Amino acid sequence: MRKKQFLQVSCPRCRNRQIIFSNASYEVKCFKCNYLLSKSTGGRAKVRAPVRGVL
């Protein structure tokens, strides 16, 4: 079982960096351009942006 953690991701469209939760239960969109960064899958979120770091 993987740990629940916070991830720093970079938006592929506008390069904005944002912190998201690895087990988010909702869709997370970029604050600047509204690009879908991660989508809920019922457990671990599917991250659609490059991960820059783990916090």
C-alpha atoms as a PDB file:
ATOM      1  CA  MET A   1       0.000   0.000   0.000  1.00  0.00           C
ATOM      2  CA  ARG A   2       1.366   3.386  -1.002  1.00  0.00           C
ATOM      3  CA  LYS A   3       1.564   6.338   1.349  1.00  0.00           C
ATOM      4  CA  LYS A   4      -0.753   9.274   0.978  1.00  0.00           C
ATOM      5  CA  GLN A   5       1.333  12.317   0.139  1.00  0.00           C
ATOM      6  CA  PHE A   6       1.304  15.802  -1.308  1.00  0.00           C
ATOM      7  CA  LEU A   7       2.763  16.294  -4.785  1.00  0.00           C
ATOM      8  CA  GLN A   8       4.081  19.425  -6.454  1.00  0.00           C
ATOM      9  CA  VAL A   9       3.052  19.282 -10.104  1.00  0.00           C
ATOM     10  CA  SER A  10       3.687  21.550 -13.060  1.00  0.00           C
ATOM     11  CA  CYS A  11       0.880  22.327 -15.490  1.00  0.00           C
ATOM     12  CA  PRO A  12       1.902  21.168 -18.992  1.00  0.00           C
ATOM     13  CA  ARG A  13      -0.041  24.006 -20.610  1.00  0.00           C
ATOM     14  CA  CYS A  14       1.018  27.123 -18.651  1.00  0.00           C
ATOM     15  CA  ARG A  15       3.884  25.795 -16.424  1.00  0.00           C
ATOM     16  CA  ASN A  16       2.133  26.930 -13.229  1.00  0.00           C
ATOM     17  CA  ARG A  17       3.262  24.913 -10.198  1.00  0.00           C
ATOM     18  CA  GLN A  18       0.626  23.652  -7.820  1.00  0.00           C
ATOM     19  CA  ILE A  19       0.448  21.307  -4.818  1.00  0.00           C
ATOM     20  CA  ILE A  20      -2.112  18.493  -4.962  1.00  0.00           C
ATOM     21  CA  PHE A  21      -2.975  15.498  -2.762  1.00  0.00           C
ATOM     22  CA  SER A  22      -2.147  12.039  -4.116  1.00  0.00           C
ATOM     23  CA  ASN A  23      -5.515  10.607  -3.006  1.00  0.00           C
ATOM     24  CA  ALA A  24      -7.737  13.512  -4.054  1.00  0.00           C
ATOM     25  CA  SER A  25     -11.405  12.547  -4.230  1.00  0.00           C
ATOM     26  CA  TYR A  26     -12.248  15.250  -6.763  1.00  0.00           C
ATOM     27  CA  GLU A  27     -10.851  16.634 -10.018  1.00  0.00           C
ATOM     28  CA  VAL A  28      -8.045  19.158  -9.547  1.00  0.00           C
ATOM     29  CA  LYS A  29      -7.660  21.884 -12.162  1.00  0.00           C
ATOM     30  CA  CYS A  30      -4.921  24.456 -12.741  1.00  0.00           C
ATOM     31  CA  PHE A  31      -5.651  27.800 -11.095  1.00  0.00           C
ATOM     32  CA  LYS A  32      -4.422  29.760 -14.128  1.00  0.00           C
ATOM     33  CA  CYS A  33      -5.610  27.929 -17.252  1.00  0.00           C
ATOM     34  CA  ASN A  34      -8.192  25.438 -15.897  1.00  0.00           C
ATOM     35  CA  TYR A  35      -6.292  22.387 -17.270  1.00  0.00           C
ATOM     36  CA  LEU A  36      -7.225  19.092 -15.572  1.00  0.00           C
ATOM     37  CA  LEU A  37      -4.192  18.136 -13.432  1.00  0.00           C
ATOM     38  CA  SER A  38      -5.572  15.059 -11.680  1.00  0.00           C
ATOM     39  CA  LYS A  39      -8.705  12.968 -11.833  1.00  0.00           C
ATOM     40  CA  SER A  40     -10.252  10.853  -9.077  1.00  0.00           C
ATOM     41  CA  THR A  41     -10.343   7.097  -9.660  1.00  0.00           C
ATOM     42  CA  GLY A  42     -12.011   6.034  -6.424  1.00  0.00           C
ATOM     43  CA  GLY A  43      -8.704   5.510  -4.618  1.00  0.00           C
ATOM     44  CA  ARG A  44      -5.461   6.994  -5.749  1.00  0.00           C
ATOM     45  CA  ALA A  45      -5.862   9.972  -8.074  1.00  0.00           C
ATOM     46  CA  LYS A  46      -4.603   9.720 -11.661  1.00  0.00           C
ATOM     47  CA  VAL A  47      -2.121  12.581 -12.083  1.00  0.00           C
ATOM     48  CA  ARG A  48      -2.075  14.015 -15.612  1.00  0.00           C
ATOM     49  CA  ALA A  49       0.769  16.514 -15.028  1.00  0.00           C
ATOM     50  CA  PRO A  50       4.513  16.043 -14.466  1.00  0.00           C
ATOM     51  CA  VAL A  51       5.400  15.644 -10.778  1.00  0.00           C
ATOM     52  CA  ARG A  52       8.175  18.037  -9.735  1.00  0.00           C
ATOM     53  CA  GLY A  53       8.511  16.910  -6.138  1.00  0.00           C
ATOM     54  CA  VAL A  54       7.041  15.006  -3.219  1.00  0.00           C
ATOM     55  CA  LEU A  55       6.360  16.934  -0.027  1.00  0.00           C
END
